[in-house]
Amino acid sequence: MLSISAATGLRLALPLLLIGLFSGEQLWSAVPILAHIPQVLVIAVLVIWSLLELTISKDRVNRRFLQSAELFFSPFVGTIAGIAIARLADIADSWLLVLLAATGGILALVIQMVQVGWLYRFNSPPMWAIFVEDALCICLAFFAFDAPEQGGLIALLLLWLAIRSSIIWQQWQKKR
């Protein structure tokens, strides 16, 4: 669950699209909100948004607009993705599901906030870093299904980097 939540912190639509594709014939039946929307519409919206994420994120001005929108939606998508993975793992306890959903939403928000902070702090990350984010997002989504322990460790590493970034920003602010 940590792995897919970290992936939604990096990109929003791509992890949800991969959840549907990896779920087999069920598609988005385990995803809370998407299960009630026609599947053709869900696929169309997620494919278009994923393509926008993968193409628009390379331009500095469009990236600011995209990340501002994703900052708003990231806790919701992280919560939805966390619940979906928990349901696919047959976790039925309601209190545990609520805890996992809240953790997923907060983790996605924290990672997205760090991305926005780095974008505004350094104007634009190098192009190789953007491609690394894309690859990491895909890997984390794969890990959520195939290797959840390794994906969780990578997600915790990203959380540690986020905490470390906040310390660096505080030190930088004191120097100014």
N, C-alpha and C. Protein backbone atom coordinates (compact mmCIF):
# COMPACT_ATOMS: atom_id res chain seq x y z
N MET A 1 0.82 -1.19 0.00
CA MET A 1 0.00 0.00 0.00
C MET A 1 0.87 1.25 0.00
N LEU A 2 1.99 1.22 0.74
CA LEU A 2 2.89 2.37 0.74
C LEU A 2 3.46 2.61 -0.65
N SER A 3 3.74 1.53 -1.34
CA SER A 3 4.32 1.64 -2.67
C SER A 3 3.38 2.35 -3.64
N ILE A 4 2.14 1.96 -3.67
CA ILE A 4 1.20 2.58 -4.62
C ILE A 4 0.88 4.02 -4.19
N SER A 5 0.88 4.29 -2.89
CA SER A 5 0.64 5.65 -2.42
C SER A 5 1.80 6.57 -2.80
N ALA A 6 3.03 6.04 -2.69
CA ALA A 6 4.19 6.84 -3.12
C ALA A 6 4.15 7.07 -4.62
N ALA A 7 3.69 6.09 -5.37
CA ALA A 7 3.57 6.25 -6.82
C ALA A 7 2.55 7.33 -7.16
N THR A 8 1.45 7.39 -6.40
CA THR A 8 0.47 8.44 -6.66
C THR A 8 0.97 9.81 -6.20
N GLY A 9 1.96 9.83 -5.32
CA GLY A 9 2.59 11.09 -4.96
C GLY A 9 3.46 11.62 -6.09
N LEU A 10 4.00 10.72 -6.90
CA LEU A 10 4.83 11.12 -8.03
C LEU A 10 3.99 11.48 -9.25
N ARG A 11 3.06 10.64 -9.60
CA ARG A 11 2.12 10.84 -10.71
C ARG A 11 0.76 10.35 -10.26
N LEU A 12 -0.30 10.99 -10.70
CA LEU A 12 -1.63 10.62 -10.21
C LEU A 12 -2.31 9.52 -11.03
N ALA A 13 -2.44 9.74 -12.31
CA ALA A 13 -3.27 8.85 -13.12
C ALA A 13 -2.56 7.55 -13.48
N LEU A 14 -1.28 7.60 -13.67
CA LEU A 14 -0.54 6.41 -14.10
C LEU A 14 -0.66 5.25 -13.12
N PRO A 15 -0.51 5.47 -11.80
CA PRO A 15 -0.71 4.34 -10.88
C PRO A 15 -2.13 3.79 -10.88
N LEU A 16 -3.13 4.67 -10.99
CA LEU A 16 -4.51 4.19 -11.05
C LEU A 16 -4.76 3.39 -12.32
N LEU A 17 -4.16 3.82 -13.42
CA LEU A 17 -4.29 3.08 -14.67
C LEU A 17 -3.64 1.70 -14.53
N LEU A 18 -2.49 1.64 -13.90
CA LEU A 18 -1.81 0.37 -13.71
C LEU A 18 -2.56 -0.55 -12.74
N ILE A 19 -3.22 0.03 -11.73
CA ILE A 19 -4.05 -0.78 -10.83
C ILE A 19 -5.15 -1.48 -11.62
N GLY A 20 -5.80 -0.74 -12.49
CA GLY A 20 -6.85 -1.33 -13.30
C GLY A 20 -6.34 -2.40 -14.24
N LEU A 21 -5.20 -2.15 -14.85
CA LEU A 21 -4.66 -3.12 -15.79
C LEU A 21 -4.15 -4.37 -15.10
N PHE A 22 -3.60 -4.24 -13.90
CA PHE A 22 -3.09 -5.40 -13.16
C PHE A 22 -4.18 -6.18 -12.46
N SER A 23 -5.34 -5.60 -12.32
CA SER A 23 -6.44 -6.26 -11.61
C SER A 23 -7.11 -7.34 -12.45
N GLY A 24 -6.75 -7.44 -13.69
CA GLY A 24 -7.33 -8.46 -14.55
C GLY A 24 -8.72 -8.06 -15.00
N GLU A 25 -9.63 -9.01 -14.98
CA GLU A 25 -10.98 -8.75 -15.46
C GLU A 25 -11.78 -7.85 -14.51
N GLN A 26 -11.34 -7.75 -13.27
CA GLN A 26 -12.04 -6.92 -12.30
C GLN A 26 -11.93 -5.45 -12.64
N LEU A 27 -10.84 -5.07 -13.28
CA LEU A 27 -10.48 -3.68 -13.57
C LEU A 27 -10.59 -2.86 -12.29
N TRP A 28 -11.45 -1.86 -12.26
CA TRP A 28 -11.48 -0.96 -11.10
C TRP A 28 -12.60 -1.30 -10.13
N SER A 29 -13.01 -2.54 -10.03
CA SER A 29 -14.10 -2.91 -9.12
C SER A 29 -13.68 -2.77 -7.66
N ALA A 30 -12.37 -2.82 -7.36
CA ALA A 30 -11.89 -2.66 -5.98
C ALA A 30 -11.60 -1.21 -5.63
N VAL A 31 -11.64 -0.33 -6.61
CA VAL A 31 -11.33 1.08 -6.38
C VAL A 31 -12.62 1.80 -6.01
N PRO A 32 -12.63 2.46 -4.83
CA PRO A 32 -13.88 3.01 -4.29
C PRO A 32 -14.70 3.88 -5.23
N ILE A 33 -14.18 4.91 -5.78
CA ILE A 33 -14.98 5.83 -6.59
C ILE A 33 -15.06 5.38 -8.04
N LEU A 34 -13.95 4.87 -8.55
CA LEU A 34 -13.89 4.50 -9.96
C LEU A 34 -14.76 3.29 -10.31
N ALA A 35 -15.13 2.50 -9.31
CA ALA A 35 -15.98 1.33 -9.55
C ALA A 35 -17.39 1.73 -9.99
N HIS A 36 -17.80 2.96 -9.68
CA HIS A 36 -19.16 3.41 -9.99
C HIS A 36 -19.24 4.21 -11.28
N ILE A 37 -18.11 4.39 -11.94
CA ILE A 37 -18.06 5.15 -13.19
C ILE A 37 -17.89 4.15 -14.33
N PRO A 38 -18.51 4.39 -15.47
CA PRO A 38 -18.34 3.46 -16.59
C PRO A 38 -16.85 3.25 -16.93
N GLN A 39 -16.49 1.99 -17.15
CA GLN A 39 -15.09 1.65 -17.34
C GLN A 39 -14.46 2.32 -18.55
N VAL A 40 -15.23 2.50 -19.60
CA VAL A 40 -14.69 3.16 -20.80
C VAL A 40 -14.30 4.60 -20.47
N LEU A 41 -15.12 5.28 -19.71
CA LEU A 41 -14.82 6.64 -19.31
C LEU A 41 -13.59 6.70 -18.40
N VAL A 42 -13.51 5.77 -17.46
CA VAL A 42 -12.36 5.72 -16.55
C VAL A 42 -11.07 5.49 -17.33
N ILE A 43 -11.10 4.54 -18.25
CA ILE A 43 -9.90 4.26 -19.04
C ILE A 43 -9.51 5.47 -19.87
N ALA A 44 -10.48 6.11 -20.51
CA ALA A 44 -10.19 7.27 -21.35
C ALA A 44 -9.58 8.41 -20.54
N VAL A 45 -10.18 8.72 -19.40
CA VAL A 45 -9.67 9.82 -18.57
C VAL A 45 -8.27 9.49 -18.03
N LEU A 46 -8.08 8.27 -17.55
CA LEU A 46 -6.77 7.91 -16.98
C LEU A 46 -5.68 7.86 -18.05
N VAL A 47 -6.01 7.39 -19.24
CA VAL A 47 -5.01 7.37 -20.32
C VAL A 47 -4.64 8.79 -20.73
N ILE A 48 -5.64 9.64 -20.90
CA ILE A 48 -5.36 11.03 -21.30
C ILE A 48 -4.55 11.75 -20.22
N TRP A 49 -4.95 11.59 -18.95
CA TRP A 49 -4.22 12.25 -17.86
C TRP A 49 -2.80 11.70 -17.74
N SER A 50 -2.63 10.39 -17.93
CA SER A 50 -1.28 9.80 -17.87
C SER A 50 -0.40 10.34 -18.99
N LEU A 51 -0.95 10.46 -20.18
CA LEU A 51 -0.17 11.04 -21.29
C LEU A 51 0.19 12.49 -21.01
N LEU A 52 -0.75 13.23 -20.42
CA LEU A 52 -0.44 14.61 -20.04
C LEU A 52 0.67 14.66 -19.00
N GLU A 53 0.60 13.77 -18.02
CA GLU A 53 1.64 13.72 -16.99
C GLU A 53 3.00 13.41 -17.58
N LEU A 54 3.02 12.50 -18.53
CA LEU A 54 4.29 12.07 -19.10
C LEU A 54 4.85 13.07 -20.12
N THR A 55 4.00 13.90 -20.73
CA THR A 55 4.48 14.85 -21.73
C THR A 55 4.58 16.27 -21.19
N ILE A 56 3.55 16.75 -20.53
CA ILE A 56 3.54 18.13 -20.04
C ILE A 56 4.56 18.35 -18.93
N SER A 57 4.86 17.32 -18.19
CA SER A 57 5.78 17.48 -17.06
C SER A 57 7.19 17.84 -17.49
N LYS A 58 7.46 17.79 -18.77
CA LYS A 58 8.81 18.10 -19.26
C LYS A 58 9.01 19.60 -19.48
N ASP A 59 7.94 20.36 -19.59
CA ASP A 59 8.01 21.81 -19.79
C ASP A 59 7.81 22.52 -18.45
N ARG A 60 8.64 23.53 -18.17
CA ARG A 60 8.63 24.18 -16.86
C ARG A 60 7.32 24.87 -16.53
N VAL A 61 6.76 25.64 -17.44
CA VAL A 61 5.53 26.38 -17.16
C VAL A 61 4.35 25.41 -17.01
N ASN A 62 4.25 24.46 -17.91
CA ASN A 62 3.16 23.49 -17.81
C ASN A 62 3.31 22.60 -16.58
N ARG A 63 4.55 22.32 -16.19
CA ARG A 63 4.79 21.49 -15.01
C ARG A 63 4.26 22.18 -13.75
N ARG A 64 4.42 23.49 -13.67
CA ARG A 64 3.90 24.22 -12.50
C ARG A 64 2.39 24.11 -12.42
N PHE A 65 1.73 24.27 -13.56
CA PHE A 65 0.27 24.13 -13.57
C PHE A 65 -0.14 22.72 -13.20
N LEU A 66 0.52 21.73 -13.80
CA LEU A 66 0.18 20.33 -13.56
C LEU A 66 0.41 19.96 -12.10
N GLN A 67 1.53 20.36 -11.53
CA GLN A 67 1.82 19.98 -10.15
C GLN A 67 0.93 20.73 -9.16
N SER A 68 0.51 21.92 -9.50
CA SER A 68 -0.44 22.61 -8.62
C SER A 68 -1.77 21.87 -8.57
N ALA A 69 -2.23 21.40 -9.72
CA ALA A 69 -3.47 20.62 -9.75
C ALA A 69 -3.28 19.29 -9.03
N GLU A 70 -2.13 18.64 -9.25
CA GLU A 70 -1.88 17.35 -8.63
C GLU A 70 -1.70 17.48 -7.12
N LEU A 71 -1.21 18.61 -6.66
CA LEU A 71 -1.08 18.84 -5.22
C LEU A 71 -2.44 18.80 -4.55
N PHE A 72 -3.45 19.35 -5.21
CA PHE A 72 -4.80 19.34 -4.66
C PHE A 72 -5.39 17.94 -4.66
N PHE A 73 -5.20 17.17 -5.73
CA PHE A 73 -5.82 15.86 -5.86
C PHE A 73 -5.03 14.72 -5.24
N SER A 74 -3.75 14.91 -4.94
CA SER A 74 -2.91 13.81 -4.48
C SER A 74 -3.40 13.11 -3.21
N PRO A 75 -3.90 13.81 -2.19
CA PRO A 75 -4.37 13.05 -1.02
C PRO A 75 -5.58 12.16 -1.34
N PHE A 76 -6.45 12.64 -2.21
CA PHE A 76 -7.62 11.85 -2.58
C PHE A 76 -7.23 10.61 -3.39
N VAL A 77 -6.34 10.82 -4.36
CA VAL A 77 -5.92 9.70 -5.20
C VAL A 77 -5.07 8.71 -4.39
N GLY A 78 -4.23 9.21 -3.49
CA GLY A 78 -3.46 8.32 -2.63
C GLY A 78 -4.35 7.48 -1.73
N THR A 79 -5.42 8.08 -1.24
CA THR A 79 -6.38 7.36 -0.41
C THR A 79 -7.10 6.29 -1.23
N ILE A 80 -7.55 6.67 -2.41
CA ILE A 80 -8.26 5.72 -3.28
C ILE A 80 -7.35 4.56 -3.67
N ALA A 81 -6.12 4.86 -4.04
CA ALA A 81 -5.19 3.80 -4.44
C ALA A 81 -4.85 2.89 -3.27
N GLY A 82 -4.67 3.46 -2.09
CA GLY A 82 -4.39 2.66 -0.90
C GLY A 82 -5.52 1.71 -0.57
N ILE A 83 -6.76 2.20 -0.66
CA ILE A 83 -7.92 1.34 -0.41
C ILE A 83 -8.00 0.24 -1.46
N ALA A 84 -7.72 0.59 -2.71
CA ALA A 84 -7.80 -0.41 -3.78
C ALA A 84 -6.81 -1.54 -3.55
N ILE A 85 -5.58 -1.21 -3.21
CA ILE A 85 -4.57 -2.24 -2.97
C ILE A 85 -4.92 -3.06 -1.73
N ALA A 86 -5.44 -2.39 -0.70
CA ALA A 86 -5.84 -3.12 0.52
C ALA A 86 -6.99 -4.08 0.21
N ARG A 87 -7.93 -3.68 -0.61
CA ARG A 87 -9.03 -4.56 -0.98
C ARG A 87 -8.53 -5.73 -1.85
N LEU A 88 -7.60 -5.44 -2.74
CA LEU A 88 -7.04 -6.52 -3.57
C LEU A 88 -6.24 -7.51 -2.71
N ALA A 89 -5.71 -7.04 -1.59
CA ALA A 89 -4.97 -7.91 -0.67
C ALA A 89 -5.91 -8.56 0.35
N ASP A 90 -7.21 -8.39 0.18
CA ASP A 90 -8.24 -8.98 1.05
C ASP A 90 -8.15 -8.53 2.50
N ILE A 91 -7.90 -7.25 2.70
CA ILE A 91 -7.94 -6.68 4.05
C ILE A 91 -9.37 -6.20 4.28
N ALA A 92 -10.03 -6.81 5.24
CA ALA A 92 -11.46 -6.54 5.44
C ALA A 92 -11.75 -5.72 6.69
N ASP A 93 -10.80 -5.61 7.61
CA ASP A 93 -11.04 -4.84 8.84
C ASP A 93 -11.26 -3.37 8.49
N SER A 94 -12.38 -2.83 8.93
CA SER A 94 -12.72 -1.46 8.56
C SER A 94 -11.77 -0.45 9.20
N TRP A 95 -11.36 -0.66 10.44
CA TRP A 95 -10.46 0.30 11.10
C TRP A 95 -9.08 0.27 10.44
N LEU A 96 -8.63 -0.91 10.02
CA LEU A 96 -7.35 -1.03 9.35
C LEU A 96 -7.41 -0.41 7.96
N LEU A 97 -8.54 -0.57 7.29
CA LEU A 97 -8.72 0.03 5.98
C LEU A 97 -8.70 1.55 6.06
N VAL A 98 -9.33 2.10 7.09
CA VAL A 98 -9.32 3.56 7.30
C VAL A 98 -7.91 4.05 7.59
N LEU A 99 -7.18 3.31 8.41
CA LEU A 99 -5.80 3.67 8.73
C LEU A 99 -4.91 3.62 7.49
N LEU A 100 -5.05 2.59 6.69
CA LEU A 100 -4.26 2.47 5.46
C LEU A 100 -4.63 3.57 4.47
N ALA A 101 -5.90 3.88 4.37
CA ALA A 101 -6.34 4.94 3.47
C ALA A 101 -5.77 6.30 3.88
N ALA A 102 -5.83 6.59 5.17
CA ALA A 102 -5.29 7.87 5.66
C ALA A 102 -3.78 7.94 5.45
N THR A 103 -3.09 6.84 5.73
CA THR A 103 -1.64 6.81 5.52
C THR A 103 -1.30 7.01 4.06
N GLY A 104 -2.04 6.35 3.18
CA GLY A 104 -1.80 6.49 1.74
C GLY A 104 -2.01 7.91 1.26
N GLY A 105 -3.07 8.53 1.72
CA GLY A 105 -3.35 9.92 1.31
C GLY A 105 -2.30 10.89 1.82
N ILE A 106 -1.87 10.71 3.05
CA ILE A 106 -0.86 11.61 3.62
C ILE A 106 0.49 11.42 2.94
N LEU A 107 0.88 10.17 2.68
CA LEU A 107 2.14 9.91 2.00
C LEU A 107 2.15 10.51 0.59
N ALA A 108 1.06 10.36 -0.14
CA ALA A 108 0.97 10.94 -1.48
C ALA A 108 1.06 12.47 -1.42
N LEU A 109 0.41 13.07 -0.44
CA LEU A 109 0.45 14.52 -0.29
C LEU A 109 1.85 15.01 0.05
N VAL A 110 2.52 14.32 0.96
CA VAL A 110 3.87 14.74 1.36
C VAL A 110 4.83 14.67 0.18
N ILE A 111 4.79 13.58 -0.57
CA ILE A 111 5.69 13.45 -1.72
C ILE A 111 5.37 14.50 -2.78
N GLN A 112 4.10 14.77 -3.01
CA GLN A 112 3.72 15.79 -3.98
C GLN A 112 4.14 17.19 -3.51
N MET A 113 4.03 17.45 -2.20
CA MET A 113 4.45 18.75 -1.67
C MET A 113 5.96 18.95 -1.85
N VAL A 114 6.73 17.91 -1.65
CA VAL A 114 8.17 18.02 -1.85
C VAL A 114 8.49 18.29 -3.31
N GLN A 115 7.79 17.64 -4.21
CA GLN A 115 8.01 17.90 -5.64
C GLN A 115 7.71 19.35 -5.98
N VAL A 116 6.60 19.86 -5.47
CA VAL A 116 6.24 21.26 -5.74
C VAL A 116 7.28 22.19 -5.11
N GLY A 117 7.72 21.85 -3.90
CA GLY A 117 8.74 22.67 -3.25
C GLY A 117 10.04 22.72 -4.03
N TRP A 118 10.49 21.58 -4.51
CA TRP A 118 11.72 21.56 -5.32
C TRP A 118 11.52 22.30 -6.63
N LEU A 119 10.33 22.23 -7.21
CA LEU A 119 10.06 22.93 -8.46
C LEU A 119 10.16 24.44 -8.27
N TYR A 120 9.57 24.94 -7.20
CA TYR A 120 9.61 26.38 -6.96
C TYR A 120 10.95 26.83 -6.39
N ARG A 121 11.64 25.95 -5.71
CA ARG A 121 12.94 26.30 -5.13
C ARG A 121 14.02 26.41 -6.20
N PHE A 122 14.05 25.46 -7.12
CA PHE A 122 15.10 25.43 -8.13
C PHE A 122 14.61 25.76 -9.53
N ASN A 123 13.41 26.29 -9.63
CA ASN A 123 12.81 26.68 -10.90
C ASN A 123 12.38 25.48 -11.73
N SER A 124 13.27 24.57 -12.03
CA SER A 124 12.91 23.38 -12.78
C SER A 124 13.98 22.31 -12.55
N PRO A 125 13.57 21.11 -12.22
CA PRO A 125 14.57 20.06 -12.05
C PRO A 125 15.16 19.68 -13.40
N PRO A 126 16.33 19.07 -13.40
CA PRO A 126 16.90 18.65 -14.68
C PRO A 126 16.02 17.58 -15.35
N MET A 127 16.15 17.50 -16.65
CA MET A 127 15.29 16.59 -17.42
C MET A 127 15.49 15.13 -16.99
N TRP A 128 16.71 14.77 -16.63
CA TRP A 128 16.95 13.38 -16.23
C TRP A 128 16.19 13.05 -14.94
N ALA A 129 16.03 14.04 -14.07
CA ALA A 129 15.31 13.82 -12.81
C ALA A 129 13.82 13.57 -13.07
N ILE A 130 13.28 14.23 -14.08
CA ILE A 130 11.87 14.04 -14.43
C ILE A 130 11.65 12.63 -14.98
N PHE A 131 12.60 12.17 -15.80
CA PHE A 131 12.49 10.80 -16.32
C PHE A 131 12.67 9.76 -15.21
N VAL A 132 13.51 10.07 -14.23
CA VAL A 132 13.68 9.16 -13.08
C VAL A 132 12.38 9.09 -12.29
N GLU A 133 11.69 10.21 -12.12
CA GLU A 133 10.39 10.22 -11.43
C GLU A 133 9.38 9.33 -12.16
N ASP A 134 9.34 9.46 -13.50
CA ASP A 134 8.42 8.63 -14.28
C ASP A 134 8.72 7.15 -14.10
N ALA A 135 10.00 6.79 -14.21
CA ALA A 135 10.40 5.39 -14.06
C ALA A 135 10.14 4.88 -12.65
N LEU A 136 10.42 5.72 -11.66
CA LEU A 136 10.18 5.33 -10.27
C LEU A 136 8.70 5.11 -9.99
N CYS A 137 7.86 5.94 -10.57
CA CYS A 137 6.42 5.79 -10.41
C CYS A 137 5.96 4.45 -10.97
N ILE A 138 6.42 4.09 -12.15
CA ILE A 138 6.04 2.82 -12.76
C ILE A 138 6.56 1.66 -11.93
N CYS A 139 7.81 1.76 -11.48
CA CYS A 139 8.40 0.68 -10.66
C CYS A 139 7.64 0.51 -9.35
N LEU A 140 7.28 1.60 -8.71
CA LEU A 140 6.53 1.50 -7.45
C LEU A 140 5.16 0.86 -7.66
N ALA A 141 4.52 1.18 -8.79
CA ALA A 141 3.22 0.55 -9.07
C ALA A 141 3.40 -0.96 -9.30
N PHE A 142 4.45 -1.35 -9.99
CA PHE A 142 4.73 -2.78 -10.18
C PHE A 142 5.02 -3.45 -8.84
N PHE A 143 5.81 -2.77 -8.01
CA PHE A 143 6.17 -3.34 -6.71
C PHE A 143 4.95 -3.52 -5.81
N ALA A 144 3.95 -2.69 -5.97
CA ALA A 144 2.74 -2.81 -5.14
C ALA A 144 2.08 -4.17 -5.34
N PHE A 145 2.22 -4.72 -6.54
CA PHE A 145 1.60 -6.02 -6.83
C PHE A 145 2.57 -7.18 -6.66
N ASP A 146 3.81 -7.01 -7.11
CA ASP A 146 4.74 -8.14 -7.15
C ASP A 146 5.69 -8.23 -5.97
N ALA A 147 6.14 -7.10 -5.45
CA ALA A 147 7.11 -7.09 -4.36
C ALA A 147 6.77 -5.98 -3.38
N PRO A 148 5.71 -6.16 -2.58
CA PRO A 148 5.26 -5.07 -1.71
C PRO A 148 6.27 -4.66 -0.65
N GLU A 149 7.09 -5.58 -0.17
CA GLU A 149 8.08 -5.21 0.85
C GLU A 149 9.14 -4.27 0.27
N GLN A 150 9.63 -4.59 -0.91
CA GLN A 150 10.63 -3.73 -1.54
C GLN A 150 10.02 -2.37 -1.92
N GLY A 151 8.79 -2.40 -2.40
CA GLY A 151 8.10 -1.14 -2.72
C GLY A 151 7.88 -0.29 -1.49
N GLY A 152 7.54 -0.94 -0.38
CA GLY A 152 7.36 -0.21 0.88
C GLY A 152 8.65 0.41 1.36
N LEU A 153 9.76 -0.30 1.18
CA LEU A 153 11.07 0.25 1.57
C LEU A 153 11.43 1.46 0.71
N ILE A 154 11.15 1.38 -0.57
CA ILE A 154 11.42 2.52 -1.45
C ILE A 154 10.53 3.70 -1.06
N ALA A 155 9.27 3.42 -0.73
CA ALA A 155 8.35 4.49 -0.30
C ALA A 155 8.85 5.14 0.99
N LEU A 156 9.35 4.34 1.92
CA LEU A 156 9.89 4.91 3.16
C LEU A 156 11.16 5.70 2.89
N LEU A 157 11.95 5.27 1.92
CA LEU A 157 13.13 6.04 1.51
C LEU A 157 12.72 7.39 0.94
N LEU A 158 11.66 7.39 0.14
CA LEU A 158 11.15 8.66 -0.40
C LEU A 158 10.64 9.57 0.71
N LEU A 159 10.01 8.97 1.72
CA LEU A 159 9.55 9.76 2.87
C LEU A 159 10.73 10.35 3.63
N TRP A 160 11.79 9.55 3.79
CA TRP A 160 13.00 10.06 4.45
C TRP A 160 13.60 11.20 3.64
N LEU A 161 13.64 11.07 2.30
CA LEU A 161 14.15 12.16 1.46
C LEU A 161 13.28 13.41 1.58
N ALA A 162 11.99 13.24 1.74
CA ALA A 162 11.09 14.38 1.92
C ALA A 162 11.38 15.09 3.23
N ILE A 163 11.59 14.33 4.29
CA ILE A 163 11.93 14.93 5.59
C ILE A 163 13.27 15.63 5.50
N ARG A 164 14.20 15.00 4.85
CA ARG A 164 15.55 15.57 4.67
C ARG A 164 15.48 16.87 3.88
N SER A 165 14.61 16.90 2.86
CA SER A 165 14.43 18.11 2.05
C SER A 165 13.91 19.26 2.90
N SER A 166 12.99 18.97 3.80
CA SER A 166 12.45 20.05 4.64
C SER A 166 13.53 20.61 5.55
N ILE A 167 14.43 19.76 6.04
CA ILE A 167 15.54 20.24 6.87
C ILE A 167 16.47 21.13 6.06
N ILE A 168 16.75 20.73 4.82
CA ILE A 168 17.61 21.53 3.95
C ILE A 168 16.97 22.88 3.67
N TRP A 169 15.64 22.90 3.42
CA TRP A 169 14.95 24.16 3.14
C TRP A 169 14.99 25.07 4.37
N GLN A 170 14.83 24.50 5.57
CA GLN A 170 14.89 25.32 6.78
C GLN A 170 16.27 25.93 6.95
N GLN A 171 17.31 25.16 6.71
CA GLN A 171 18.68 25.68 6.81
C GLN A 171 18.92 26.73 5.76
N TRP A 172 18.41 26.54 4.56
CA TRP A 172 18.58 27.51 3.50
C TRP A 172 17.86 28.82 3.85
N GLN A 173 16.69 28.70 4.46
CA GLN A 173 15.91 29.88 4.84
C GLN A 173 16.63 30.69 5.93
N LYS A 174 17.31 29.99 6.86
CA LYS A 174 18.04 30.68 7.92
C LYS A 174 19.24 31.43 7.38
N LYS A 175 19.86 30.91 6.33
CA LYS A 175 21.04 31.55 5.73
C LYS A 175 20.69 32.81 4.99
N ARG A 176 19.46 32.90 4.52
CA ARG A 176 19.03 34.09 3.75
C ARG A 176 18.81 35.19 4.69
